[in-house]
Protein backbone atom coordinates (compact mmCIF):
# COMPACT_ATOMS: atom_id res chain seq x y z
CA MET A 1 0.18 -0.16 0.27
CA ARG A 2 2.82 1.97 0.80
CA SER A 3 4.83 1.37 -2.68
CA TYR A 4 1.34 2.72 -4.21
CA VAL A 5 1.39 6.13 -1.91
CA LEU A 6 4.76 6.56 -3.00
CA LEU A 7 4.30 6.40 -6.73
CA PHE A 8 1.07 8.31 -5.92
CA LEU A 9 2.42 11.46 -5.10
CA LEU A 10 5.29 11.22 -7.68
CA PHE A 11 3.65 11.24 -9.85
CA LEU A 12 2.26 14.48 -9.18
CA SER A 13 5.10 16.09 -8.72
CA VAL A 14 6.37 15.25 -12.11
CA SER A 15 2.48 16.22 -13.14
CA GLY A 16 2.77 19.71 -11.53
CA TYR A 17 6.73 19.91 -12.65
CA SER A 18 5.49 19.88 -16.67
CA GLN A 19 2.34 21.72 -16.01
CA GLN A 20 4.11 24.93 -14.97
CA SER A 21 7.29 24.17 -17.29
CA LEU A 22 4.52 23.73 -19.53
CA ASN A 23 3.02 27.79 -18.93
CA ASN A 24 6.45 29.47 -18.93
CA TYR A 25 5.52 28.97 -23.08
CA LYS A 26 3.72 30.72 -24.85
CA TYR A 27 5.14 29.68 -29.18
CA VAL A 28 5.86 26.43 -29.68
CA LEU A 29 8.19 25.06 -33.52
CA VAL A 30 7.12 22.11 -35.16
CA PRO A 31 9.16 20.70 -37.74
CA GLU A 32 8.52 20.23 -41.42
CA LYS A 33 8.79 16.46 -41.55
CA PHE A 34 9.02 13.68 -38.56
CA SER A 35 11.69 11.52 -38.86
CA PHE A 36 10.06 8.53 -38.90
CA LEU A 37 8.05 9.55 -42.59
CA LYS A 38 9.84 10.13 -45.91
CA GLU A 39 8.40 12.72 -46.47
CA ILE A 40 7.18 16.33 -45.88
CA ASN A 41 4.75 17.01 -43.87
CA GLN A 42 3.40 13.67 -45.16
CA TYR A 43 -0.10 12.14 -44.79
CA LYS A 44 -0.50 15.76 -42.92
CA MET A 45 0.78 14.80 -39.97
CA ASN A 46 2.68 18.29 -39.41
CA MET A 47 -0.65 20.20 -39.64
CA LEU A 48 -2.42 17.69 -37.56
CA THR A 49 -0.22 18.49 -34.62
CA LYS A 50 0.51 22.53 -35.96
CA ALA A 51 -3.80 22.16 -35.30
CA LEU A 52 -3.58 20.34 -32.21
CA LEU A 53 -1.85 22.12 -30.99
CA GLU A 54 -3.27 25.95 -31.45
CA GLU A 55 -6.33 24.16 -30.13
CA LYS A 56 -4.22 23.72 -27.09
CA GLY A 57 -3.85 27.33 -26.64
CA PHE A 58 -0.40 27.52 -27.63
CA THR A 59 0.91 29.86 -30.82
CA VAL A 60 1.81 27.23 -33.59
CA TYR A 61 5.37 28.12 -36.13
CA TYR A 62 6.45 25.81 -38.70
CA ASP A 63 10.32 25.80 -37.61
CA ASN A 64 11.49 26.63 -41.34
CA ALA A 65 8.86 29.72 -41.85
CA GLU A 66 9.55 33.57 -41.49
CA LEU A 67 9.80 34.00 -37.38
CA PRO A 68 8.66 36.69 -35.86
CA LEU A 69 11.46 38.97 -33.82
CA GLU A 70 10.82 37.54 -30.40
CA ILE A 71 11.13 33.94 -31.38
CA ALA A 72 13.65 34.50 -34.20
CA ASN A 73 16.40 36.27 -31.92
CA ASN A 74 15.35 34.01 -28.84
CA LYS A 75 14.49 30.61 -29.65
CA CYS A 76 14.86 29.51 -26.51
CA SER A 77 11.42 31.65 -26.35
CA ALA A 78 9.61 28.23 -28.23
CA LEU A 79 9.34 24.37 -27.57
CA VAL A 80 10.37 22.16 -30.13
CA THR A 81 7.96 20.05 -31.50
CA ASP A 82 8.85 16.27 -31.88
CA VAL A 83 6.61 12.88 -32.12
CA THR A 84 8.58 9.35 -32.42
CA GLN A 85 7.22 6.30 -33.26
CA ARG A 86 8.01 2.79 -31.54
CA LYS A 87 8.09 0.20 -34.06
CA SER A 88 4.89 -2.00 -34.56
CA MET A 89 3.91 -5.29 -36.80
CA PHE A 90 0.75 -4.37 -35.28
CA SER A 91 -0.27 -1.42 -34.41
CA THR A 92 -0.04 2.33 -34.90
CA ASN A 93 2.47 4.14 -32.24
CA LEU A 94 3.18 7.36 -31.27
CA THR A 95 3.94 9.72 -28.18
CA LEU A 96 3.99 13.47 -28.17
CA VAL A 97 7.87 15.43 -27.10
CA LEU A 98 7.69 19.42 -26.09
CA LYS A 99 11.76 20.07 -25.19
CA ASP A 100 12.98 23.55 -24.41
CA CYS A 101 16.08 24.60 -27.04
CA GLN A 102 18.63 22.89 -25.41
CA GLY A 103 16.87 19.55 -25.34
CA ASN A 104 15.61 19.01 -22.32
CA VAL A 105 12.23 17.37 -22.07
CA VAL A 106 9.37 19.87 -20.66
CA PHE A 107 6.05 17.29 -21.68
CA GLN A 108 6.51 13.97 -22.57
CA GLY A 109 2.95 12.14 -23.60
CA LYS A 110 1.10 8.92 -22.75
CA GLU A 111 2.16 6.55 -26.46
CA GLY A 112 -0.99 6.88 -28.79
CA LYS A 113 -2.21 3.39 -30.31
CA SER A 114 -3.90 2.72 -33.85
CA ARG A 115 -4.81 -0.66 -35.12
CA GLU A 116 -5.96 0.63 -38.49
CA LYS A 117 -4.78 -0.62 -42.02
CA GLU A 118 -4.81 2.53 -43.24
CA PHE A 119 -1.45 4.43 -42.88
CA GLU A 120 -3.33 7.81 -43.14
CA ALA A 121 -6.24 6.95 -41.14
CA SER A 122 -3.81 5.06 -38.25
CA TYR A 123 -1.42 7.43 -38.25
CA LYS A 124 -3.64 10.43 -37.52
CA LEU A 125 -5.69 8.21 -34.95
CA ALA A 126 -2.62 7.01 -33.10
CA LEU A 127 -1.33 11.32 -33.18
CA ARG A 128 -4.53 12.11 -32.10
CA ASP A 129 -4.59 9.64 -28.87
CA ALA A 130 -1.17 10.06 -28.46
CA PHE A 131 -2.85 14.29 -27.52
CA THR A 132 -4.69 13.52 -24.81
CA SER A 133 -2.22 13.43 -22.86
CA LEU A 134 -1.02 17.38 -23.54
CA ASN A 135 -5.35 17.93 -23.35
CA GLU A 136 -5.96 16.07 -19.73
CA THR A 137 -3.53 19.28 -18.78
CA GLU A 138 -4.25 23.02 -17.79
CA TYR A 139 -2.12 25.63 -20.04
CA ALA A 140 -2.38 29.06 -19.77
CA TYR A 141 0.86 31.25 -20.58
CA ASN A 142 1.28 32.79 -17.37
CA GLY A 143 3.70 35.44 -19.31
CA THR A 144 6.38 36.35 -16.70
CA ALA A 145 8.56 33.55 -18.02
CA HIS A 146 11.68 34.46 -21.41
CA ALA A 147 15.15 32.90 -21.83
CA ALA A 148 17.79 35.95 -21.24
CA ARG A 149 18.20 37.79 -23.70
CA GLN A 150 21.86 38.82 -25.07
CA THR A 151 21.02 42.60 -25.31
CA ALA A 152 25.08 44.53 -24.60
CA SER A 153 27.91 43.38 -28.12
CA GLN A 154 30.58 41.13 -27.89
CA ALA A 155 33.91 43.52 -26.77
CA THR A 156 36.96 41.88 -27.56
CA GLY A 157 41.04 43.32 -26.49
CA VAL A 158 39.77 45.47 -23.76
CA THR A 159 40.91 45.91 -20.77
CA TYR A 160 39.18 47.55 -17.64
CA ASP A 161 41.39 49.38 -14.73
CA VAL A 162 39.32 48.86 -11.21
CA THR A 163 39.28 52.17 -9.30
CA ALA A 164 36.22 51.93 -7.50
CA ALA A 165 35.40 49.45 -3.83
CA VAL A 166 34.70 45.98 -4.29
CA GLN A 167 30.98 45.94 -3.37
CA PRO A 168 29.26 42.59 -2.16
CA ALA A 169 26.36 41.29 -5.55
CA VAL A 170 23.04 42.26 -4.84
CA ALA A 171 20.34 39.67 -5.68
CA VAL A 172 18.32 40.82 -8.40
CA SER A 173 15.34 39.02 -9.19
CA GLN A 174 14.41 38.08 -12.52
CA PRO A 175 12.25 36.26 -14.43
CA VAL A 176 13.27 32.34 -14.95
CA ALA A 177 14.93 32.12 -18.58
CA ALA A 178 12.89 29.81 -20.84
CA GLY A 179 14.13 26.02 -21.03
CA GLN A 180 16.43 27.28 -18.03
CA PRO A 181 14.08 25.38 -15.08
CA VAL A 182 16.12 27.14 -12.27
CA THR A 183 16.48 24.36 -9.92
CA LYS A 184 17.71 25.39 -5.86
CA PRO A 185 20.91 23.67 -4.84
CA ALA A 186 21.01 21.12 -2.06
CA VAL A 187 22.54 22.42 0.29
CA ALA A 188 25.46 25.11 0.80
CA GLU A 189 28.69 23.48 1.24
CA ALA A 190 30.48 23.97 5.09
CA GLY A 191 32.43 26.37 5.53
CA GLN A 192 31.58 28.59 2.17
CA ALA A 193 30.75 32.09 2.41
CA SER A 194 27.23 33.37 1.51
CA GLY A 195 26.09 35.13 -0.86
CA THR A 196 26.93 32.11 -2.80
CA LEU A 197 25.91 31.94 -6.72
CA TYR A 198 25.70 29.01 -8.21
CA ALA A 199 26.74 29.10 -12.12
CA GLN A 200 24.26 26.96 -14.15
CA PRO A 201 24.69 25.90 -17.96
CA THR A 202 22.38 27.60 -20.63
CA ALA A 203 23.04 27.35 -24.25
CA THR A 204 24.97 30.38 -24.49
CA GLY A 205 27.06 30.68 -21.21
CA TYR A 206 25.84 30.70 -17.58
CA GLN A 207 23.37 32.33 -14.98
CA LEU A 208 23.93 32.97 -11.88
CA ILE A 209 21.56 31.62 -9.09
CA ASP A 210 21.19 32.13 -5.45
CA THR A 211 19.37 30.18 -2.85
CA ALA A 212 16.02 31.54 -3.26
CA PRO A 213 16.56 30.72 -5.86
CA LYS A 214 16.42 33.92 -7.90
CA ILE A 215 18.58 34.60 -11.43
CA VAL A 216 20.58 37.24 -10.07
CA LEU A 217 22.94 37.51 -13.39
CA SER A 218 23.05 36.56 -17.29
CA LEU A 219 26.17 35.31 -18.54
CA PHE A 220 27.14 35.20 -21.80
CA LYS A 221 29.82 33.78 -23.41
CA THR A 222 32.61 35.80 -25.16
CA SER A 223 35.89 35.04 -27.66
CA VAL A 224 38.11 35.04 -24.32
CA ALA A 225 39.08 33.10 -21.39
CA ASP A 226 37.18 33.93 -17.63
CA CYS A 227 35.50 36.78 -19.47
CA PHE A 228 31.81 37.10 -19.94
CA ILE A 229 28.75 39.91 -21.22
CA ALA A 230 27.18 40.19 -18.77
CA ASN A 231 23.79 42.14 -17.00
CA ASN A 232 20.65 41.81 -14.58
CA SER A 233 16.97 43.88 -15.00
CA ASN A 234 19.98 47.17 -13.87
CA ASN A 235 23.15 46.73 -15.43
CA ASN A 236 24.74 45.22 -18.47
CA GLY A 237 28.61 45.27 -18.60
CA VAL A 238 30.69 41.74 -17.73
CA VAL A 239 32.15 38.85 -15.61
CA VAL A 240 35.95 38.67 -15.42
CA LYS A 241 38.03 36.69 -13.47
CA LYS A 242 40.98 38.48 -11.86
CA GLY A 243 43.30 35.53 -9.91
CA ALA A 244 41.37 33.21 -8.16
CA GLU A 245 38.35 35.85 -7.84
CA TRP A 246 35.32 36.71 -10.27
CA PHE A 247 34.30 40.48 -10.21
CA PHE A 248 30.73 42.37 -11.90
CA GLU A 249 32.55 44.71 -13.49
CA TYR A 250 29.95 47.88 -15.03
CA TYR A 251 29.64 51.35 -15.40
CA LYS A 252 27.30 53.52 -13.20
CA GLU A 253 26.77 57.75 -13.93
CA GLY A 254 30.17 57.53 -15.61
CA LYS A 255 32.15 55.84 -12.81
CA LEU A 256 33.18 51.85 -13.44
CA ILE A 257 31.84 50.17 -10.21
CA ALA A 258 33.04 46.31 -9.05
CA GLU A 259 31.03 44.36 -7.74
CA LYS A 260 32.73 40.80 -6.39
CA LEU A 261 31.42 36.92 -6.95
CA LEU A 262 31.49 34.26 -5.62
CA ILE A 263 31.07 31.86 -7.97
CA LYS A 264 30.77 28.00 -7.91
CA PHE A 265 30.32 26.76 -11.58
């Protein structure tokens, strides 16, 4: 009996995470061809997938179409659709999968099945059956989560002369980046200074989070080792390593400011 209760609680926790993740996304991209089919939009499967996602409330585009700037400039603002097939002699078996820009699975539904002999009918029935898992999940875009955008241009060959007093970094609450779920660090290691920021990889660099967890800084890779373009809701600058220490450097009212950071990669 206890094992059934644990399984039920696990199912609830996973369902809750998927729900929260789906609500972070407004846009979904659909490929022009699924890997298990031989032709573009064969049996009109891609068209049907797009229509079913739109019925759910998503704004859907084909991935080869001209995309709005919000997606074109930031692919992490959209989920990517995949439909996979498990081969079977007597049935068509399809599964709907929605992934973020890094390939992480945000949603995976049940396996849809059909025993129809005619290919087109069988594929469409199996796809509709696969979509029942998504249809049973409440979806409402919350409008608060979006991927961090790289707004500063890449700086190369620039030297920095820090004259300002070193200041502790101030945590700034920012929206969670799409496709980058913020996970709370387990427990700070013994002897670790308070204010430590934890680096979580993103498609373009890292996001630094505190133990709340909140995103404090977004870091973007450059061609220079140990140098990142950085921004938060207040300042744009760079994060650089000097010796064994990291600093967030930016200009404020014409004055160069350097904030010392404690980062755990």
